[in-house]
Structure formats: structure tokens, C-alpha cells
N, C-alpha and C. Protein backbone atom coordinates (compact mmCIF):
# COMPACT_ATOMS: atom_id res chain seq x y z
N MET A 1 0.82 -1.15 0.05
CA MET A 1 -0.19 -0.05 -0.05
C MET A 1 1.11 1.26 0.20
N ALA A 2 0.38 1.97 -0.89
CA ALA A 2 1.47 3.18 -1.03
C ALA A 2 0.60 4.54 -0.44
N LEU A 3 1.28 5.22 0.18
CA LEU A 3 0.56 6.25 0.92
C LEU A 3 0.89 7.58 0.14
N LYS A 4 -0.23 7.66 -0.67
CA LYS A 4 -0.10 9.02 -1.77
C LYS A 4 -0.52 10.42 -1.11
N LYS A 5 -1.21 10.66 -0.06
CA LYS A 5 -1.93 11.84 0.46
C LYS A 5 -2.71 11.52 1.89
N ILE A 6 -2.22 12.69 2.30
CA ILE A 6 -2.93 12.46 3.70
C ILE A 6 -3.84 14.12 3.77
N LYS A 7 -5.19 14.21 4.04
CA LYS A 7 -5.64 15.53 4.05
C LYS A 7 -5.92 15.75 5.32
N THR A 8 -5.17 17.25 5.67
CA THR A 8 -4.84 17.94 6.66
C THR A 8 -5.84 19.17 7.18
N ASP A 9 -6.77 19.34 6.21
CA ASP A 9 -7.62 20.66 6.00
C ASP A 9 -8.11 20.66 7.41
N SER A 10 -8.35 19.65 8.26
CA SER A 10 -9.13 19.48 9.59
C SER A 10 -8.22 19.30 10.85
N ILE A 11 -6.85 19.74 10.51
CA ILE A 11 -5.75 20.11 11.41
C ILE A 11 -5.70 21.23 11.59
N THR A 12 -5.42 22.03 12.82
CA THR A 12 -5.38 23.27 12.55
C THR A 12 -3.72 23.49 11.86
N ASP A 13 -2.69 23.06 12.56
CA ASP A 13 -1.65 23.45 12.02
C ASP A 13 -1.01 22.84 11.06
N ASP A 14 -1.79 21.89 10.25
CA ASP A 14 -1.65 20.76 9.38
C ASP A 14 -0.03 20.04 9.63
N ALA A 15 0.02 19.96 10.86
CA ALA A 15 1.04 18.98 11.57
C ALA A 15 0.57 17.83 12.04
N ILE A 16 1.27 16.40 11.98
CA ILE A 16 0.55 15.52 11.94
C ILE A 16 1.27 14.71 13.55
N THR A 17 0.63 14.50 14.70
CA THR A 17 1.47 14.31 15.45
C THR A 17 0.95 12.82 16.45
N ALA A 18 1.46 12.22 17.09
CA ALA A 18 0.91 11.23 18.00
C ALA A 18 -0.41 11.73 18.60
N ALA A 19 -0.59 12.66 18.95
CA ALA A 19 -1.57 13.33 19.62
C ALA A 19 -2.88 13.37 18.91
N LYS A 20 -2.53 13.72 17.75
CA LYS A 20 -3.81 13.43 16.46
C LYS A 20 -4.00 12.09 15.75
N ILE A 21 -3.17 11.32 16.08
CA ILE A 21 -3.73 9.97 15.62
C ILE A 21 -4.55 9.36 16.60
N ASP A 22 -5.76 8.74 15.87
CA ASP A 22 -6.89 8.32 16.76
C ASP A 22 -6.66 6.76 16.32
N ASP A 23 -6.18 6.33 17.82
CA ASP A 23 -5.90 4.79 17.57
C ASP A 23 -6.85 4.29 18.98
N ASP A 24 -7.68 3.10 18.36
CA ASP A 24 -8.42 2.72 19.35
C ASP A 24 -7.77 1.47 20.39
N GLY A 25 -6.94 1.44 20.03
CA GLY A 25 -5.86 0.63 20.76
C GLY A 25 -5.73 -1.01 20.14
N THR A 26 -6.21 -0.99 19.07
CA THR A 26 -5.58 -2.52 18.39
C THR A 26 -5.06 -2.37 17.35
N GLY A 27 -4.28 -0.66 17.20
CA GLY A 27 -3.27 -0.56 16.45
C GLY A 27 -3.65 0.67 15.11
N PHE A 28 -2.78 0.81 14.15
CA PHE A 28 -3.03 1.46 12.92
C PHE A 28 -2.21 1.20 12.16
N THR A 29 -2.23 1.65 10.53
CA THR A 29 -1.32 1.53 9.78
C THR A 29 -1.33 3.00 8.94
N PHE A 30 -0.20 3.22 8.75
CA PHE A 30 0.03 4.36 8.32
C PHE A 30 1.65 4.57 7.24
N GLY A 31 0.63 4.48 6.15
CA GLY A 31 1.58 3.98 4.62
C GLY A 31 2.10 2.16 4.92
N ASP A 32 3.10 2.41 4.82
CA ASP A 32 3.81 0.90 4.87
C ASP A 32 3.96 0.48 6.51
N LEU A 33 3.88 1.14 7.39
CA LEU A 33 4.30 0.75 8.58
C LEU A 33 3.16 0.30 9.56
N THR A 34 3.06 -0.75 9.76
CA THR A 34 1.97 -1.03 10.81
C THR A 34 2.38 -1.04 12.23
N VAL A 35 1.64 -0.34 13.33
CA VAL A 35 1.59 -0.16 14.75
C VAL A 35 0.37 -1.09 15.24
N THR A 36 0.69 -2.06 16.22
CA THR A 36 -0.22 -3.01 16.72
C THR A 36 0.39 -3.08 18.29
N GLY A 37 -0.11 -2.76 19.27
CA GLY A 37 -0.08 -2.48 20.83
C GLY A 37 1.30 -2.14 20.63
N SER A 38 2.34 -2.71 21.12
CA SER A 38 3.86 -2.06 21.03
C SER A 38 4.96 -2.58 20.16
N SER A 39 4.51 -3.09 19.42
CA SER A 39 5.17 -3.65 17.74
C SER A 39 5.11 -2.89 16.81
N ILE A 40 6.07 -2.40 16.11
CA ILE A 40 6.44 -2.11 14.89
C ILE A 40 6.75 -3.35 13.84
N THR A 41 5.87 -3.29 12.75
CA THR A 41 5.79 -4.80 12.07
C THR A 41 6.59 -4.37 10.96
N ALA A 42 7.35 -3.28 10.47
CA ALA A 42 7.87 -2.98 9.44
C ALA A 42 8.98 -2.02 9.60
N GLY A 43 10.14 -2.04 8.97
CA GLY A 43 11.26 -1.62 9.26
C GLY A 43 11.74 -0.74 7.91
N THR A 44 10.74 0.30 7.30
CA THR A 44 11.36 0.60 6.13
C THR A 44 12.30 1.63 6.46
N SER A 45 12.60 2.40 7.27
CA SER A 45 13.60 3.16 7.94
C SER A 45 13.85 3.23 9.39
N ASN A 46 14.97 3.62 9.87
CA ASN A 46 15.14 3.31 11.17
C ASN A 46 16.09 4.54 11.97
N LEU A 47 15.83 4.60 13.23
CA LEU A 47 16.93 5.19 14.01
C LEU A 47 17.83 4.22 14.32
N SER A 48 18.74 5.04 14.89
CA SER A 48 19.84 3.84 15.61
C SER A 48 19.28 2.87 16.95
N THR A 49 18.37 3.49 17.73
CA THR A 49 17.65 2.67 18.86
C THR A 49 15.85 2.69 18.46
N PHE A 50 15.39 1.35 18.88
CA PHE A 50 14.21 1.32 18.56
C PHE A 50 13.80 1.50 20.23
N THR A 51 12.73 1.89 20.47
CA THR A 51 11.90 2.03 21.81
C THR A 51 10.76 0.46 21.87
N LEU A 52 10.35 0.02 20.39
CA LEU A 52 9.46 -0.85 20.24
C LEU A 52 10.06 -2.14 19.81
N ASP A 53 9.33 -3.03 19.82
CA ASP A 53 9.92 -4.37 19.27
C ASP A 53 9.59 -4.24 17.45
N LEU A 54 10.62 -5.14 17.45
CA LEU A 54 10.44 -5.42 15.44
C LEU A 54 10.11 -7.03 15.36
N THR A 55 8.77 -6.73 14.31
CA THR A 55 8.43 -8.21 14.12
C THR A 55 8.61 -8.12 12.63
N VAL A 56 9.17 -9.17 11.72
CA VAL A 56 9.32 -9.26 10.52
C VAL A 56 8.23 -10.25 9.90
N ALA A 57 6.98 -9.95 9.42
CA ALA A 57 6.19 -10.84 8.70
C ALA A 57 6.79 -11.85 7.72
N ALA A 58 5.74 -12.87 7.82
CA ALA A 58 6.41 -13.88 7.13
C ALA A 58 6.29 -13.78 5.84
N THR A 59 5.66 -12.95 5.31
CA THR A 59 5.52 -12.60 3.41
C THR A 59 6.37 -11.26 3.78
N HIS A 60 7.05 -10.68 4.19
CA HIS A 60 7.81 -9.43 4.16
C HIS A 60 9.61 -9.77 4.37
N SER A 61 10.19 -8.75 3.65
CA SER A 61 11.60 -8.69 3.63
C SER A 61 11.74 -7.37 4.33
N THR A 62 12.65 -7.52 5.10
CA THR A 62 13.19 -6.10 5.66
C THR A 62 14.75 -6.18 5.78
N VAL A 63 15.02 -4.69 5.51
CA VAL A 63 16.29 -4.14 5.80
C VAL A 63 16.61 -3.05 6.79
N LEU A 64 17.45 -2.96 7.52
CA LEU A 64 17.65 -2.16 8.83
C LEU A 64 19.27 -1.98 8.61
N ALA A 65 19.53 -0.56 8.73
CA ALA A 65 20.93 0.15 8.67
C ALA A 65 21.12 0.23 10.64
N GLY A 66 22.26 -0.34 10.04
CA GLY A 66 22.60 -0.25 11.62
C GLY A 66 24.42 0.62 11.81
N PRO A 67 24.66 0.85 12.86
CA PRO A 67 24.23 -0.24 14.08
C PRO A 67 22.48 -0.07 14.57
N VAL A 68 22.43 -0.66 15.01
CA VAL A 68 20.82 -0.45 15.66
C VAL A 68 20.48 -1.38 16.67
N THR A 69 19.82 -0.57 17.79
CA THR A 69 19.40 -1.69 19.09
C THR A 69 18.38 -1.91 19.32
N ILE A 70 17.38 -3.10 19.34
CA ILE A 70 15.96 -3.22 19.41
C ILE A 70 15.72 -4.07 20.86
N PRO A 71 14.52 -3.94 21.15
CA PRO A 71 14.28 -4.42 22.48
C PRO A 71 14.21 -5.99 22.21
N ASN A 72 13.20 -6.19 21.44
CA ASN A 72 13.17 -7.66 20.73
C ASN A 72 12.83 -7.91 19.54
N VAL A 73 13.29 -8.81 18.71
CA VAL A 73 12.90 -9.25 17.46
C VAL A 73 12.65 -10.45 17.27
N THR A 74 11.30 -10.51 16.41
CA THR A 74 10.71 -11.75 15.80
C THR A 74 10.75 -11.79 14.34
N ILE A 75 11.37 -13.15 13.81
CA ILE A 75 11.84 -13.10 12.30
C ILE A 75 10.92 -14.02 11.43
N ASN A 76 9.92 -13.89 11.17
CA ASN A 76 9.06 -14.65 10.27
C ASN A 76 9.28 -14.83 8.83
N GLY A 77 9.67 -13.70 8.18
CA GLY A 77 10.24 -13.80 7.05
C GLY A 77 11.66 -13.47 6.66
N ASN A 78 12.24 -12.47 6.20
CA ASN A 78 13.66 -12.16 5.70
C ASN A 78 14.18 -10.72 6.23
N LEU A 79 14.93 -10.88 7.32
CA LEU A 79 15.87 -9.59 7.92
C LEU A 79 16.98 -9.71 7.46
N ASN A 80 17.34 -8.67 6.89
CA ASN A 80 19.00 -8.33 6.64
C ASN A 80 19.33 -6.73 7.35
N VAL A 81 20.33 -7.07 7.73
CA VAL A 81 21.10 -5.93 8.70
C VAL A 81 22.54 -5.41 8.03
N LEU A 82 22.37 -4.31 7.98
CA LEU A 82 23.68 -3.47 7.50
C LEU A 82 24.64 -3.62 8.57
N THR A 83 25.60 -4.16 8.71
CA THR A 83 26.75 -3.83 9.71
C THR A 83 26.36 -4.38 11.41
N GLU A 84 25.69 -3.90 12.12
CA GLU A 84 25.47 -4.52 13.57
C GLU A 84 24.32 -4.35 13.92
N LEU A 85 23.69 -5.51 14.73
CA LEU A 85 22.48 -5.34 15.72
C LEU A 85 22.65 -5.78 16.76
N ASN A 86 21.88 -4.89 18.09
CA ASN A 86 22.07 -5.32 19.28
C ASN A 86 20.57 -5.57 19.78
N VAL A 87 20.45 -6.73 19.90
CA VAL A 87 19.25 -7.01 20.76
C VAL A 87 19.44 -7.27 22.09
N THR A 88 18.58 -6.22 23.24
CA THR A 88 18.62 -6.03 24.41
C THR A 88 17.80 -7.29 25.22
N GLY A 89 16.64 -8.17 24.47
CA GLY A 89 15.66 -8.93 24.75
C GLY A 89 16.20 -10.22 24.30
N ASP A 90 15.04 -10.68 23.61
CA ASP A 90 14.84 -11.64 22.60
C ASP A 90 15.05 -11.33 21.35
N LEU A 91 15.58 -12.58 20.43
CA LEU A 91 16.15 -12.90 19.21
C LEU A 91 14.96 -14.35 18.62
N ASP A 92 14.11 -14.13 18.19
CA ASP A 92 13.45 -15.33 17.62
C ASP A 92 13.22 -15.30 16.22
N THR A 93 13.47 -16.45 15.57
CA THR A 93 13.37 -16.54 14.44
C THR A 93 12.61 -17.82 14.10
N GLY A 94 11.51 -17.76 13.14
CA GLY A 94 10.87 -18.80 13.12
C GLY A 94 10.89 -19.58 11.80
N ALA A 95 10.48 -20.98 11.67
CA ALA A 95 10.71 -21.77 11.01
C ALA A 95 11.11 -21.67 9.79
N ASN A 96 10.24 -20.30 9.11
CA ASN A 96 10.65 -20.10 7.61
C ASN A 96 11.60 -18.69 7.76
N GLY A 97 11.96 -18.46 8.83
CA GLY A 97 12.45 -16.88 9.14
C GLY A 97 13.97 -17.16 8.51
N SER A 98 14.65 -15.83 8.23
CA SER A 98 16.21 -15.92 7.35
C SER A 98 16.36 -14.70 7.95
N PHE A 99 17.58 -14.63 8.39
CA PHE A 99 18.54 -13.12 9.41
C PHE A 99 19.98 -13.44 8.69
N ASN A 100 20.25 -12.29 8.15
CA ASN A 100 21.93 -12.13 7.54
C ASN A 100 22.36 -10.44 7.94
N ILE A 101 23.39 -10.51 8.40
CA ILE A 101 24.06 -9.40 9.11
C ILE A 101 25.56 -9.06 7.85
N ILE A 102 25.26 -8.16 7.06
CA ILE A 102 25.92 -7.82 6.06
C ILE A 102 26.95 -6.66 6.61
N GLY A 103 28.34 -6.93 6.52
CA GLY A 103 29.12 -6.02 6.56
C GLY A 103 30.37 -5.99 8.08
């Protein structure tokens, strides 16, 4: 799903902030990024430190630019990390998951 346009005429200052996202507690999707509970399920671009867990779905391939630190990582699809990955909690690879560190 490509994000084409966000209508902001009802937002007073045209800024989209976390406080202005209506989340009913079950999560939300913004472009190709899906947030459910306390997990992000796509790594389209990344900071050097994640505050949420990373889950790579079975039908997805994800690339992360390291060095990067993430609390917990679950890999059911394909995860490629450039240079360095630090996991402070659990790193789980599913039966069909693939994990590569490059560089």
C-alpha cells in the first residue's frame, strides 16, 4: 500500500503528531508501517535505537541500517541488517525466517 496523500485541512496547524492519531487500542497503519500494541511490524527506515519491538512478517523482507539496537526481534520473513544489530531482549527466528548481517 503506497501512501499518496494525507488530508490535513481539519488539522489546525497541518502537523501530524502522535496526539492527533486516533488509535482505538488495536493498532493503526500509516503507509507501509503497521503499529499494533507495542510492536512495529515493518522497518522501512530506522533510528539507531528502537523503543518498540520489531516483527518481520512471513510475507515481508526488511532491511535495517546498523548499528541498531532493538528490545526484541521476531523474524518470520527475511531480515537483513547492515553492519550491527544489538538485541537487548529476545531474538526469535521462526521456522521459515531468514536472518543476515551484512558488513
